N, C-alpha and C. Protein backbone atom coordinates (compact mmCIF):
# COMPACT_ATOMS: atom_id res chain seq x y z
N MET A 1 9.80 -11.12 18.97
CA MET A 1 9.83 -11.34 17.63
C MET A 1 10.67 -9.87 17.07
N GLY A 2 11.68 -10.18 16.55
CA GLY A 2 12.39 -8.95 15.74
C GLY A 2 12.19 -9.04 14.12
N SER A 3 13.11 -8.59 13.47
CA SER A 3 12.94 -8.41 12.07
C SER A 3 13.24 -9.66 11.49
N HIS A 4 12.30 -10.12 10.60
CA HIS A 4 12.34 -11.31 10.01
C HIS A 4 13.17 -11.69 8.78
N LEU A 5 14.20 -10.72 8.53
CA LEU A 5 15.21 -10.61 7.30
C LEU A 5 16.35 -10.28 7.65
N PRO A 6 17.48 -10.92 7.53
CA PRO A 6 18.75 -10.61 8.01
C PRO A 6 19.14 -9.51 7.07
N ASP A 7 20.04 -8.43 7.44
CA ASP A 7 20.51 -7.31 6.49
C ASP A 7 21.50 -7.91 5.56
N ASN A 8 21.08 -8.39 4.52
CA ASN A 8 21.70 -8.98 3.53
C ASN A 8 21.25 -8.53 2.00
N PRO A 9 21.77 -7.78 1.22
CA PRO A 9 21.38 -7.47 0.19
C PRO A 9 21.30 -8.43 -0.90
N ASN A 10 22.09 -9.59 -0.52
CA ASN A 10 22.13 -10.61 -1.57
C ASN A 10 21.38 -11.70 -1.66
N LEU A 11 20.42 -11.64 -0.74
CA LEU A 11 19.49 -12.45 -0.48
C LEU A 11 18.49 -12.65 -1.51
N PRO A 12 17.92 -13.53 -1.93
CA PRO A 12 16.64 -13.75 -2.92
C PRO A 12 15.59 -13.21 -2.42
N THR A 13 14.58 -13.09 -3.54
CA THR A 13 13.30 -12.39 -3.21
C THR A 13 12.58 -13.02 -2.20
N PRO A 14 12.38 -12.25 -1.09
CA PRO A 14 11.50 -12.63 -0.04
C PRO A 14 10.27 -13.54 -0.42
N GLN A 15 9.78 -14.39 0.50
CA GLN A 15 8.81 -15.09 0.29
C GLN A 15 7.54 -14.31 0.47
N MET A 16 7.42 -13.38 1.51
CA MET A 16 6.37 -12.67 1.91
C MET A 16 6.96 -10.90 1.94
N PHE A 17 5.92 -10.15 1.56
CA PHE A 17 6.03 -8.80 1.85
C PHE A 17 4.82 -8.35 2.55
N VAL A 18 4.95 -8.00 3.67
CA VAL A 18 3.88 -8.01 4.62
C VAL A 18 3.70 -6.36 5.02
N GLU A 19 2.64 -5.90 4.84
CA GLU A 19 2.27 -4.51 5.28
C GLU A 19 1.39 -4.74 6.52
N PHE A 20 1.59 -3.83 7.66
CA PHE A 20 1.03 -4.14 8.81
C PHE A 20 0.93 -2.68 9.45
N ALA A 21 0.41 -2.37 10.75
CA ALA A 21 0.01 -1.23 11.35
C ALA A 21 -0.11 0.16 10.47
N HIS A 22 -0.97 -0.06 9.31
CA HIS A 22 -1.40 0.98 8.79
C HIS A 22 -1.95 2.17 9.61
N ILE A 23 -1.32 3.67 9.23
CA ILE A 23 -1.79 4.51 10.07
C ILE A 23 -1.94 5.82 9.30
N TYR A 24 -2.62 6.83 9.66
CA TYR A 24 -2.83 8.15 9.00
C TYR A 24 -1.79 8.92 9.45
N ALA A 25 -1.38 10.06 8.80
CA ALA A 25 -0.03 11.00 9.12
C ALA A 25 -0.75 12.04 10.26
N ASP A 26 -2.02 11.91 10.37
CA ASP A 26 -2.45 12.86 11.28
C ASP A 26 -3.21 12.17 12.52
N SER A 27 -2.47 11.05 12.98
CA SER A 27 -3.08 10.24 13.73
C SER A 27 -1.88 9.70 14.86
N PHE A 28 -2.25 8.95 15.91
CA PHE A 28 -1.04 8.34 16.90
C PHE A 28 -1.38 6.85 17.00
N TYR A 29 -0.48 6.25 17.39
CA TYR A 29 -0.38 4.63 17.71
C TYR A 29 -1.49 4.59 18.61
N GLY A 30 -2.48 3.48 18.14
CA GLY A 30 -3.53 3.28 18.93
C GLY A 30 -3.89 1.84 19.08
N SER A 31 -5.29 1.40 19.32
CA SER A 31 -5.76 0.06 19.38
C SER A 31 -5.76 -0.59 18.03
N GLU A 32 -6.05 0.05 16.86
CA GLU A 32 -6.03 -0.44 15.77
C GLU A 32 -4.75 -0.81 15.23
N GLN A 33 -3.61 -0.28 15.55
CA GLN A 33 -1.95 -0.63 15.22
C GLN A 33 -2.03 -1.84 16.31
N ASP A 34 -2.36 -1.80 17.65
CA ASP A 34 -2.09 -2.87 18.37
C ASP A 34 -2.70 -4.28 17.98
N ALA A 35 -3.94 -4.16 17.64
CA ALA A 35 -4.63 -5.22 16.94
C ALA A 35 -3.76 -5.74 15.52
N SER A 36 -3.47 -4.89 14.73
CA SER A 36 -2.58 -5.31 13.66
C SER A 36 -1.41 -6.09 13.79
N LEU A 37 -0.56 -5.59 14.92
CA LEU A 37 0.53 -6.22 15.26
C LEU A 37 0.18 -7.89 15.86
N ARG A 38 -0.73 -7.72 16.68
CA ARG A 38 -1.39 -9.00 17.17
C ARG A 38 -1.61 -10.03 16.06
N VAL A 39 -2.57 -9.53 15.10
CA VAL A 39 -2.84 -10.29 13.88
C VAL A 39 -1.78 -10.75 13.04
N MET A 40 -0.92 -9.80 12.90
CA MET A 40 0.35 -10.11 12.12
C MET A 40 1.29 -11.25 12.74
N LYS A 41 1.33 -11.11 14.03
CA LYS A 41 2.34 -12.26 14.82
C LYS A 41 1.72 -13.65 14.49
N GLU A 42 0.30 -13.40 14.76
CA GLU A 42 -0.49 -14.82 14.58
C GLU A 42 -0.49 -15.24 13.09
N TYR A 43 -0.54 -14.42 12.11
CA TYR A 43 -0.37 -14.77 10.71
C TYR A 43 1.06 -15.31 10.46
N LEU A 44 2.25 -14.75 10.91
CA LEU A 44 3.53 -15.15 10.83
C LEU A 44 3.80 -16.52 11.18
N ASP A 45 3.27 -16.87 12.57
CA ASP A 45 3.60 -18.03 13.41
C ASP A 45 2.78 -19.32 12.61
N ARG A 46 1.83 -18.80 11.74
CA ARG A 46 0.82 -19.69 10.99
C ARG A 46 1.47 -20.14 9.69
N GLU A 47 1.98 -19.01 8.77
CA GLU A 47 2.17 -19.05 7.69
C GLU A 47 3.82 -19.16 7.29
N SER A 48 4.38 -18.95 8.13
CA SER A 48 5.95 -18.80 7.98
C SER A 48 6.86 -19.67 9.03
N ASN A 49 8.14 -19.95 8.75
CA ASN A 49 8.81 -20.60 9.57
C ASN A 49 10.16 -19.75 10.01
N PRO A 50 11.09 -20.40 10.72
CA PRO A 50 12.43 -19.43 11.15
C PRO A 50 13.17 -19.46 9.92
N ASP A 51 13.03 -20.46 9.06
CA ASP A 51 13.83 -19.90 7.74
C ASP A 51 13.26 -19.25 6.75
N SER A 52 11.85 -18.77 6.75
CA SER A 52 11.23 -17.98 5.69
C SER A 52 11.89 -16.69 5.66
N LEU A 53 11.97 -16.23 4.53
CA LEU A 53 12.41 -14.83 4.07
C LEU A 53 11.12 -14.01 4.04
N VAL A 54 10.97 -13.10 5.07
CA VAL A 54 9.78 -12.29 5.03
C VAL A 54 10.41 -10.71 5.55
N VAL A 55 9.77 -9.79 4.58
CA VAL A 55 10.17 -8.35 4.61
C VAL A 55 8.71 -7.60 4.94
N SER A 56 8.78 -6.76 5.63
CA SER A 56 7.59 -6.04 6.20
C SER A 56 7.81 -4.43 6.08
N ALA A 57 6.50 -3.77 5.96
CA ALA A 57 6.78 -2.31 5.87
C ALA A 57 5.44 -1.77 6.45
N ILE A 58 5.72 -0.40 7.17
CA ILE A 58 4.43 0.31 7.34
C ILE A 58 4.12 1.33 6.27
N LEU A 59 2.81 1.32 5.82
CA LEU A 59 2.34 2.47 5.13
C LEU A 59 1.70 3.60 5.79
N ILE A 60 2.09 4.80 5.48
CA ILE A 60 1.71 6.01 6.23
C ILE A 60 0.68 6.71 5.35
N ASP A 61 -0.45 6.88 5.50
CA ASP A 61 -1.56 7.46 4.71
C ASP A 61 -1.35 8.90 5.00
N ASP A 62 -0.42 9.61 3.93
CA ASP A 62 -0.60 11.11 4.10
C ASP A 62 -1.32 11.88 2.97
N LEU A 63 -2.29 10.96 2.31
CA LEU A 63 -3.07 11.53 1.54
C LEU A 63 -4.14 12.66 1.81
N HIS A 64 -4.00 13.71 1.53
CA HIS A 64 -5.01 14.87 1.64
C HIS A 64 -4.96 15.22 3.23
N ILE A 65 -3.72 15.37 3.83
CA ILE A 65 -3.48 15.67 5.07
C ILE A 65 -2.63 16.53 5.24
N GLU A 66 -3.14 17.89 5.87
CA GLU A 66 -2.34 19.06 6.04
C GLU A 66 -1.31 19.17 7.22
N ASP A 67 -1.96 18.34 8.55
CA ASP A 67 -1.51 18.60 9.43
C ASP A 67 -0.72 17.22 9.94
N HIS A 68 0.40 17.00 9.67
CA HIS A 68 1.03 15.72 9.98
C HIS A 68 1.57 15.69 11.43
N THR A 69 0.57 15.13 12.16
CA THR A 69 1.32 15.08 13.74
C THR A 69 1.85 13.93 14.05
N LEU A 70 1.66 12.97 13.12
CA LEU A 70 2.52 11.73 13.48
C LEU A 70 3.95 11.70 13.78
N ASP A 71 4.56 11.36 14.78
CA ASP A 71 5.69 11.23 15.11
C ASP A 71 6.36 9.65 14.65
N VAL A 72 7.04 9.75 13.44
CA VAL A 72 7.25 8.52 12.77
C VAL A 72 8.25 7.78 13.59
N ASN A 73 9.33 8.56 14.15
CA ASN A 73 9.97 7.93 15.05
C ASN A 73 9.68 7.25 16.24
N GLU A 74 8.56 8.01 16.97
CA GLU A 74 8.14 7.39 18.05
C GLU A 74 7.21 6.12 17.69
N PHE A 75 6.41 6.44 16.60
CA PHE A 75 5.58 5.25 15.91
C PHE A 75 6.36 4.06 15.83
N ILE A 76 7.50 4.02 15.31
CA ILE A 76 8.25 2.63 15.07
C ILE A 76 8.81 2.43 16.47
N ARG A 77 9.31 3.26 17.50
CA ARG A 77 9.38 2.98 18.83
C ARG A 77 8.50 1.87 19.58
N CYS A 78 7.18 2.55 19.00
CA CYS A 78 5.96 1.64 19.83
C CYS A 78 5.84 0.45 19.24
N ILE A 79 6.16 0.17 17.82
CA ILE A 79 6.18 -1.01 17.28
C ILE A 79 7.14 -2.16 17.79
N LEU A 80 8.56 -1.41 17.96
CA LEU A 80 9.54 -2.26 18.31
C LEU A 80 9.34 -2.68 19.90
N ARG A 81 8.89 -1.78 20.79
CA ARG A 81 8.55 -2.18 21.87
C ARG A 81 7.24 -3.40 22.11
N ARG A 82 6.78 -3.64 21.09
CA ARG A 82 5.86 -4.76 21.10
C ARG A 82 6.52 -5.75 20.38
N GLY A 83 7.47 -6.02 19.93
CA GLY A 83 8.33 -7.33 19.51
C GLY A 83 8.13 -7.29 18.02
N LEU A 84 7.91 -6.29 17.15
CA LEU A 84 8.10 -6.56 15.70
C LEU A 84 9.05 -5.30 15.15
N ALA A 85 9.60 -5.59 14.20
CA ALA A 85 10.67 -4.50 13.50
C ALA A 85 10.28 -4.50 12.19
N PRO A 86 9.61 -3.24 11.48
CA PRO A 86 9.59 -2.87 10.21
C PRO A 86 10.75 -2.87 9.54
N ASP A 87 10.96 -3.44 8.10
CA ASP A 87 12.17 -3.23 7.52
C ASP A 87 11.99 -1.88 6.69
N HIS A 88 10.87 -1.28 6.26
CA HIS A 88 10.62 -0.12 5.50
C HIS A 88 9.43 0.65 6.05
N VAL A 89 9.57 1.96 5.78
CA VAL A 89 8.48 2.84 5.89
C VAL A 89 7.95 3.38 4.65
N VAL A 90 6.88 3.69 4.24
CA VAL A 90 6.49 4.11 2.68
C VAL A 90 5.29 5.09 2.83
N PHE A 91 5.60 6.45 2.57
CA PHE A 91 4.36 7.15 2.13
C PHE A 91 3.57 7.16 1.17
N GLU A 92 2.40 6.98 1.49
CA GLU A 92 1.21 6.82 0.38
C GLU A 92 1.28 7.94 -0.61
N GLY A 93 1.03 9.04 -0.27
CA GLY A 93 1.12 10.21 -0.80
C GLY A 93 2.25 10.63 -1.92
N ARG A 94 3.27 9.87 -1.77
CA ARG A 94 4.49 10.16 -2.73
C ARG A 94 4.49 9.33 -3.57
N LEU A 95 3.58 8.19 -3.80
CA LEU A 95 3.48 7.29 -4.93
C LEU A 95 2.73 7.56 -6.32
N GLY A 96 2.47 9.06 -6.51
CA GLY A 96 2.16 9.61 -7.59
C GLY A 96 2.71 9.20 -8.87
N PRO A 97 4.01 9.30 -9.00
CA PRO A 97 4.58 8.82 -10.10
C PRO A 97 4.38 7.23 -10.68
N VAL A 98 4.19 6.34 -9.75
CA VAL A 98 3.72 5.21 -9.89
C VAL A 98 2.12 5.11 -10.47
N ALA A 99 1.30 5.91 -9.59
CA ALA A 99 -0.22 6.00 -9.99
C ALA A 99 -0.26 6.56 -11.55
N GLU A 100 0.62 7.36 -11.92
CA GLU A 100 0.52 8.02 -13.48
C GLU A 100 0.91 6.64 -14.45
N GLN A 101 1.84 5.67 -13.99
CA GLN A 101 2.19 4.73 -14.72
C GLN A 101 0.90 3.70 -14.76
N ILE A 102 0.28 3.58 -13.62
CA ILE A 102 -0.80 2.55 -13.93
C ILE A 102 -1.93 3.23 -14.67
N ILE A 103 -2.37 4.42 -14.65
CA ILE A 103 -3.18 5.20 -15.63
C ILE A 103 -2.66 4.94 -16.99
N ALA A 104 -1.58 5.05 -17.42
CA ALA A 104 -0.98 5.01 -18.68
C ALA A 104 -1.13 3.46 -19.24
N SER A 105 -1.16 2.66 -18.20
CA SER A 105 -1.27 1.13 -18.54
C SER A 105 -2.58 0.61 -18.78
N LEU A 106 -3.59 1.45 -18.46
CA LEU A 106 -4.96 1.03 -18.38
C LEU A 106 -5.57 1.23 -19.98
N PRO A 107 -6.28 0.23 -20.48
CA PRO A 107 -6.93 0.55 -21.62
C PRO A 107 -7.71 1.85 -21.70
N CYS A 108 -7.27 2.76 -22.65
CA CYS A 108 -7.78 4.20 -23.08
C CYS A 108 -9.38 4.21 -23.16
N ASP A 109 -9.80 3.03 -23.88
CA ASP A 109 -11.54 3.24 -24.05
C ASP A 109 -12.14 3.04 -22.66
N GLN A 110 -11.51 2.56 -21.39
CA GLN A 110 -12.00 2.45 -20.26
C GLN A 110 -11.69 3.49 -19.17
N LEU A 111 -11.37 4.85 -19.91
CA LEU A 111 -10.77 5.86 -19.04
C LEU A 111 -11.87 7.16 -19.24
N VAL A 112 -12.31 7.51 -18.49
CA VAL A 112 -13.27 8.52 -18.67
C VAL A 112 -13.10 9.83 -17.96
N TRP A 113 -13.46 11.00 -18.28
CA TRP A 113 -13.06 12.19 -17.51
C TRP A 113 -14.44 12.88 -17.29
N GLU A 114 -14.83 13.19 -16.27
CA GLU A 114 -15.95 13.86 -15.99
C GLU A 114 -15.78 15.52 -15.37
N LYS A 115 -16.49 16.42 -15.88
CA LYS A 115 -16.35 17.71 -15.36
C LYS A 115 -17.50 17.72 -14.36
N PHE A 116 -17.22 18.66 -13.32
CA PHE A 116 -18.17 19.27 -12.26
C PHE A 116 -18.09 20.61 -12.35
N ARG A 117 -18.98 21.28 -13.07
CA ARG A 117 -18.82 22.76 -12.99
C ARG A 117 -18.91 23.40 -11.57
N LYS A 118 -19.84 23.02 -10.83
CA LYS A 118 -19.95 23.80 -9.51
C LYS A 118 -18.85 23.68 -8.72
N GLN A 119 -18.04 22.73 -8.51
CA GLN A 119 -16.61 22.64 -7.96
C GLN A 119 -15.40 23.14 -8.77
N SER A 120 -15.73 23.26 -10.20
CA SER A 120 -14.55 23.50 -11.04
C SER A 120 -13.80 22.49 -10.97
N LYS A 121 -14.21 21.36 -10.89
CA LYS A 121 -13.23 20.02 -10.67
C LYS A 121 -13.47 18.83 -11.81
N GLU A 122 -12.58 18.42 -12.45
CA GLU A 122 -12.48 17.10 -13.21
C GLU A 122 -12.22 16.02 -12.53
N VAL A 123 -12.65 14.73 -12.84
CA VAL A 123 -12.37 13.66 -12.20
C VAL A 123 -12.18 12.66 -13.47
N LEU A 124 -11.21 11.86 -13.44
CA LEU A 124 -10.90 10.84 -14.21
C LEU A 124 -11.05 9.36 -13.53
N SER A 125 -11.83 8.80 -14.13
CA SER A 125 -12.30 7.42 -13.60
C SER A 125 -11.92 6.24 -14.86
N TRP A 126 -11.75 5.02 -14.18
CA TRP A 126 -11.87 3.81 -14.84
C TRP A 126 -13.14 3.21 -14.85
N VAL A 127 -13.71 2.76 -15.87
CA VAL A 127 -15.03 2.16 -16.03
C VAL A 127 -14.93 0.81 -16.62
N ASP A 128 -15.55 -0.29 -15.83
CA ASP A 128 -15.47 -1.66 -16.28
C ASP A 128 -16.83 -1.83 -16.97
N ALA A 129 -16.63 -2.90 -17.92
CA ALA A 129 -17.65 -3.46 -18.86
C ALA A 129 -19.18 -3.29 -18.29
N ASN A 130 -19.34 -3.18 -17.15
CA ASN A 130 -20.73 -3.03 -16.41
C ASN A 130 -21.03 -1.61 -16.15
N GLY A 131 -20.32 -0.82 -16.42
CA GLY A 131 -20.36 0.59 -16.06
C GLY A 131 -19.83 1.16 -14.98
N ALA A 132 -19.41 0.25 -13.88
CA ALA A 132 -18.89 0.57 -12.64
C ALA A 132 -17.87 1.28 -12.63
N ARG A 133 -17.58 2.33 -12.00
CA ARG A 133 -16.39 3.38 -11.87
C ARG A 133 -15.61 3.34 -10.77
N ILE A 134 -14.38 3.48 -10.76
CA ILE A 134 -13.14 3.67 -9.91
C ILE A 134 -12.58 4.91 -10.16
N GLY A 135 -12.77 5.90 -9.29
CA GLY A 135 -12.10 7.32 -9.38
C GLY A 135 -10.55 6.92 -9.27
N LEU A 136 -9.84 7.69 -10.27
CA LEU A 136 -8.30 7.48 -10.35
C LEU A 136 -7.72 8.73 -9.96
N LYS A 137 -8.14 10.19 -10.46
CA LYS A 137 -7.52 11.12 -9.81
C LYS A 137 -8.58 12.57 -10.21
N SER A 138 -8.38 13.53 -9.51
CA SER A 138 -9.27 14.71 -9.66
C SER A 138 -8.03 16.04 -9.95
N VAL A 139 -8.47 16.71 -10.79
CA VAL A 139 -7.96 17.83 -11.21
C VAL A 139 -8.82 19.37 -10.68
N TYR A 140 -8.37 19.83 -9.77
CA TYR A 140 -9.07 20.98 -9.07
C TYR A 140 -8.22 22.15 -8.84
N GLU A 141 -8.59 23.35 -9.37
CA GLU A 141 -7.83 24.42 -9.48
C GLU A 141 -6.39 24.16 -9.62
N GLY A 142 -6.17 23.54 -10.72
CA GLY A 142 -4.80 23.14 -11.22
C GLY A 142 -4.02 22.29 -10.62
N ARG A 143 -4.52 21.69 -9.61
CA ARG A 143 -3.85 20.53 -8.80
C ARG A 143 -4.49 19.30 -8.97
N GLU A 144 -3.47 18.39 -9.06
CA GLU A 144 -3.98 16.84 -9.19
C GLU A 144 -3.73 16.12 -7.97
N GLU A 145 -4.71 15.37 -7.73
CA GLU A 145 -4.91 14.39 -6.56
C GLU A 145 -5.31 13.23 -7.08
N HIS A 146 -4.49 12.08 -6.68
CA HIS A 146 -4.73 10.72 -6.95
C HIS A 146 -5.77 9.94 -6.03
N THR A 147 -6.57 9.34 -6.22
CA THR A 147 -7.53 8.75 -5.20
C THR A 147 -6.56 7.49 -4.23
N CYS A 148 -7.34 7.15 -3.13
CA CYS A 148 -6.62 6.08 -2.42
C CYS A 148 -6.71 4.96 -3.10
N ALA A 149 -7.77 4.39 -4.01
CA ALA A 149 -7.53 3.44 -4.61
C ALA A 149 -6.42 3.11 -5.52
N LEU A 150 -6.31 4.28 -6.24
CA LEU A 150 -5.06 4.12 -7.08
C LEU A 150 -3.78 4.29 -6.47
N LEU A 151 -3.64 4.99 -5.58
CA LEU A 151 -2.37 4.87 -4.66
C LEU A 151 -2.04 3.61 -4.00
N SER A 152 -3.22 3.09 -3.47
CA SER A 152 -3.11 1.57 -2.91
C SER A 152 -2.72 0.52 -3.99
N ALA A 153 -3.31 0.77 -5.11
CA ALA A 153 -2.68 -0.38 -6.14
C ALA A 153 -1.11 -0.17 -6.47
N ALA A 154 -0.87 1.23 -6.76
CA ALA A 154 0.63 1.74 -6.68
C ALA A 154 1.45 0.86 -5.69
N TRP A 155 1.13 1.03 -4.35
CA TRP A 155 1.83 0.34 -3.30
C TRP A 155 1.69 -1.33 -3.45
N THR A 156 0.66 -1.78 -3.89
CA THR A 156 0.77 -3.09 -4.16
C THR A 156 1.76 -3.57 -5.07
N LEU A 157 1.57 -3.08 -6.23
CA LEU A 157 2.43 -3.36 -7.53
C LEU A 157 3.82 -3.01 -7.32
N CYS A 158 4.29 -2.01 -6.43
CA CYS A 158 5.62 -1.66 -6.16
C CYS A 158 6.14 -2.87 -5.38
N ARG A 159 5.40 -3.35 -4.28
CA ARG A 159 5.75 -4.56 -3.49
C ARG A 159 5.97 -5.71 -4.30
N ALA A 160 5.04 -6.07 -5.39
CA ALA A 160 5.24 -6.97 -6.22
C ALA A 160 6.45 -6.97 -7.20
N GLY A 161 6.98 -5.89 -7.37
CA GLY A 161 8.11 -5.66 -8.31
C GLY A 161 7.74 -5.33 -9.72
N VAL A 162 6.36 -4.82 -9.77
CA VAL A 162 6.00 -4.40 -11.12
C VAL A 162 6.55 -2.98 -11.56
N TYR A 163 6.55 -2.24 -10.43
CA TYR A 163 7.00 -0.48 -10.56
C TYR A 163 8.21 -0.61 -9.43
N GLU A 164 8.96 0.48 -9.79
CA GLU A 164 10.06 0.71 -8.57
C GLU A 164 9.43 1.83 -7.73
N PHE A 165 9.63 1.63 -6.36
CA PHE A 165 9.48 2.75 -5.41
C PHE A 165 9.89 4.15 -5.77
N PRO A 166 9.35 5.29 -5.88
CA PRO A 166 10.09 6.41 -5.94
C PRO A 166 11.06 6.44 -4.80
N SER A 167 11.92 7.24 -5.08
CA SER A 167 13.21 7.31 -4.07
C SER A 167 12.82 8.13 -2.87
N ASN A 168 11.87 9.11 -2.94
CA ASN A 168 11.22 9.86 -1.86
C ASN A 168 9.98 9.31 -1.13
N ALA A 169 9.63 8.28 -1.65
CA ALA A 169 8.39 7.47 -1.03
C ALA A 169 8.86 6.44 0.13
N ILE A 170 10.00 6.01 0.25
CA ILE A 170 10.29 4.77 0.85
C ILE A 170 11.51 5.22 1.76
N VAL A 171 11.64 4.76 2.93
CA VAL A 171 12.72 4.83 3.87
C VAL A 171 12.77 3.47 4.48
N SER A 172 14.08 2.97 4.06
CA SER A 172 14.41 1.75 4.47
C SER A 172 15.31 1.78 5.82
N LEU A 173 14.76 0.94 6.75
CA LEU A 173 15.12 0.76 8.13
C LEU A 173 16.46 -0.20 8.06
N THR A 174 16.36 -1.22 7.16
CA THR A 174 17.40 -2.17 6.88
C THR A 174 17.74 -2.15 5.61
N GLU A 175 18.53 -3.43 5.47
CA GLU A 175 18.86 -3.46 3.71
C GLU A 175 18.03 -4.58 3.16
N ALA A 176 16.85 -4.99 3.50
CA ALA A 176 16.07 -6.07 3.08
C ALA A 176 15.46 -5.49 1.76
N PRO A 177 15.17 -6.51 0.77
CA PRO A 177 14.54 -6.07 -0.54
C PRO A 177 13.35 -5.49 -0.28
N VAL A 178 13.03 -4.79 -1.53
CA VAL A 178 11.63 -4.17 -1.46
C VAL A 178 10.40 -4.88 -2.20
N THR A 179 10.65 -6.01 -2.64
CA THR A 179 9.68 -6.56 -3.26
C THR A 179 9.57 -7.90 -2.52
N GLY A 180 8.39 -8.86 -2.83
CA GLY A 180 8.17 -10.10 -2.40
C GLY A 180 7.47 -10.89 -3.01
N GLN A 181 7.35 -12.18 -3.28
CA GLN A 181 6.72 -13.14 -3.97
C GLN A 181 5.28 -13.24 -3.35
N LYS A 182 4.92 -13.19 -2.44
CA LYS A 182 3.22 -13.21 -1.92
C LYS A 182 3.26 -11.64 -1.08
N ILE A 183 2.43 -11.01 -1.41
CA ILE A 183 1.94 -9.63 -1.34
C ILE A 183 0.74 -9.70 0.13
N VAL A 184 1.09 -9.55 1.16
CA VAL A 184 0.20 -9.79 2.26
C VAL A 184 -0.03 -8.36 2.76
N SER A 185 -1.20 -8.05 3.05
CA SER A 185 -1.58 -6.62 3.80
C SER A 185 -2.78 -7.25 5.01
N VAL A 186 -2.12 -6.68 6.05
CA VAL A 186 -2.76 -6.93 7.37
C VAL A 186 -3.34 -5.58 7.55
N LEU A 187 -4.77 -5.43 7.38
CA LEU A 187 -5.50 -4.30 7.50
C LEU A 187 -6.86 -4.33 8.24
N HIS A 188 -7.52 -3.25 8.87
CA HIS A 188 -8.68 -3.24 9.37
C HIS A 188 -9.88 -3.42 8.21
N GLU A 189 -10.80 -4.08 8.61
CA GLU A 189 -11.70 -4.34 7.49
C GLU A 189 -12.48 -3.09 6.91
N LYS A 190 -12.18 -2.09 7.50
CA LYS A 190 -12.75 -0.87 7.02
C LYS A 190 -12.26 -0.64 5.52
N TYR A 191 -10.88 -1.14 5.29
CA TYR A 191 -10.18 -0.80 4.12
C TYR A 191 -10.72 -1.95 3.11
N ALA A 192 -11.39 -2.94 3.32
CA ALA A 192 -11.98 -3.87 2.31
C ALA A 192 -12.37 -3.51 1.05
N GLY A 193 -13.02 -2.27 1.04
CA GLY A 193 -13.91 -1.76 -0.34
C GLY A 193 -12.71 -1.32 -1.22
N VAL A 194 -11.80 -0.64 -0.61
CA VAL A 194 -10.41 0.05 -1.40
C VAL A 194 -9.74 -1.13 -1.80
N GLU A 195 -9.70 -2.41 -1.11
CA GLU A 195 -8.66 -3.45 -1.70
C GLU A 195 -9.41 -3.83 -2.94
N GLU A 196 -10.72 -4.01 -2.85
CA GLU A 196 -11.58 -4.64 -3.92
C GLU A 196 -11.02 -3.99 -5.17
N LYS A 197 -11.10 -2.49 -4.99
CA LYS A 197 -10.82 -1.77 -6.23
C LYS A 197 -9.56 -1.88 -6.67
N VAL A 198 -8.55 -2.09 -5.78
CA VAL A 198 -7.23 -2.41 -6.21
C VAL A 198 -7.07 -3.40 -7.09
N ILE A 199 -7.68 -4.67 -6.62
CA ILE A 199 -7.69 -5.90 -7.29
C ILE A 199 -8.20 -5.62 -8.77
N LYS A 200 -9.51 -4.93 -9.05
CA LYS A 200 -10.03 -4.53 -10.17
C LYS A 200 -8.93 -3.76 -11.07
N LEU A 201 -8.33 -2.93 -10.49
CA LEU A 201 -7.24 -2.10 -11.34
C LEU A 201 -6.05 -3.11 -11.57
N ILE A 202 -5.84 -3.66 -10.92
CA ILE A 202 -4.57 -4.73 -11.14
C ILE A 202 -5.22 -5.81 -12.16
N THR A 203 -6.22 -6.13 -12.33
CA THR A 203 -6.92 -7.07 -13.18
C THR A 203 -6.97 -6.41 -14.77
N ALA A 204 -7.37 -5.00 -14.66
CA ALA A 204 -7.73 -4.29 -15.91
C ALA A 204 -6.21 -4.09 -16.47
N GLN A 205 -5.31 -3.85 -15.98
CA GLN A 205 -4.02 -3.94 -16.37
C GLN A 205 -3.59 -5.16 -17.21
N GLY A 206 -4.25 -6.34 -17.07
CA GLY A 206 -3.75 -7.47 -17.31
C GLY A 206 -2.95 -8.23 -16.62
N ASN A 207 -2.80 -7.96 -15.42
CA ASN A 207 -2.16 -8.60 -14.29
C ASN A 207 -2.70 -9.71 -13.53
N GLU A 208 -3.53 -10.65 -14.11
CA GLU A 208 -4.40 -11.44 -13.36
C GLU A 208 -3.47 -12.19 -12.63
N ASP A 209 -2.51 -12.83 -13.01
CA ASP A 209 -1.69 -13.65 -12.61
C ASP A 209 -0.96 -12.91 -11.14
N LEU A 210 -0.90 -11.71 -11.05
CA LEU A 210 -0.33 -10.89 -9.93
C LEU A 210 -1.36 -11.03 -8.68
N VAL A 211 -2.92 -11.21 -9.03
CA VAL A 211 -3.85 -11.16 -8.26
C VAL A 211 -3.68 -12.58 -7.30
N ASP A 212 -3.02 -13.62 -7.81
CA ASP A 212 -3.01 -14.82 -7.01
C ASP A 212 -1.95 -14.84 -5.92
N ARG A 213 -1.23 -13.79 -6.10
CA ARG A 213 0.12 -13.62 -5.08
C ARG A 213 -0.36 -12.76 -4.07
N LEU A 214 -1.54 -12.04 -4.03
CA LEU A 214 -2.15 -11.09 -3.01
C LEU A 214 -2.86 -12.08 -1.81
N GLU A 215 -2.64 -11.51 -0.70
CA GLU A 215 -3.44 -12.12 0.36
C GLU A 215 -3.69 -11.06 1.50
N LEU A 216 -5.18 -10.97 1.61
CA LEU A 216 -5.79 -9.66 2.42
C LEU A 216 -5.96 -10.48 3.67
N VAL A 217 -5.57 -9.85 4.64
CA VAL A 217 -5.64 -10.31 6.29
C VAL A 217 -6.52 -9.41 6.85
N PHE A 218 -7.81 -9.35 6.91
CA PHE A 218 -8.85 -8.29 7.62
C PHE A 218 -8.69 -8.70 9.07
N PHE A 219 -8.86 -7.55 10.02
CA PHE A 219 -9.14 -7.97 11.47
C PHE A 219 -10.37 -6.97 11.74
N ARG A 220 -11.04 -6.70 12.80
CA ARG A 220 -12.16 -5.81 13.42
C ARG A 220 -11.45 -4.76 14.17
């Protein structure tokens, strides 16, 4: 199974934009990625047909990682040898500008700064009506860092076409579009908690309709 979308920039918005083979920048291709490819193939066999327009991408988690040991070219070759071909590669840590746009879109009265004097750190959180908090970013020694939940929301919203990908965040391997009608994420179940926060942040923006376009496919 090769690429699911011909290299044609004039095609309509793909029916699906699928994330698969999620990996950390200090890691290597392994059994989790193998499982992701297997589950993705099963999903596409079940939910699409030869005429479906499907675009796919790999998200590389380079957040808070200093030693980037991942050889991206070799990683892609591993995927190609197993019969799948991603259209795009995206680096999560470079979605910061979109993360800031999300913060600006949230109701101001639900944003709270907390100061932690011992760590000399400030943390910005979104607080729901029940007082539950989702961390958005921290400021430590003059350096801002966005949380995984916020950057994951940025990733989802870019794929949905709400925001544009920063030019340095995405490497396109084909001319496939960078948005889709249905936003599918094939992920290990350990990411379920993060994805719950993503849905809450998207809903807090007032994008409830977008949630209906999301599909989470978890595996163990």
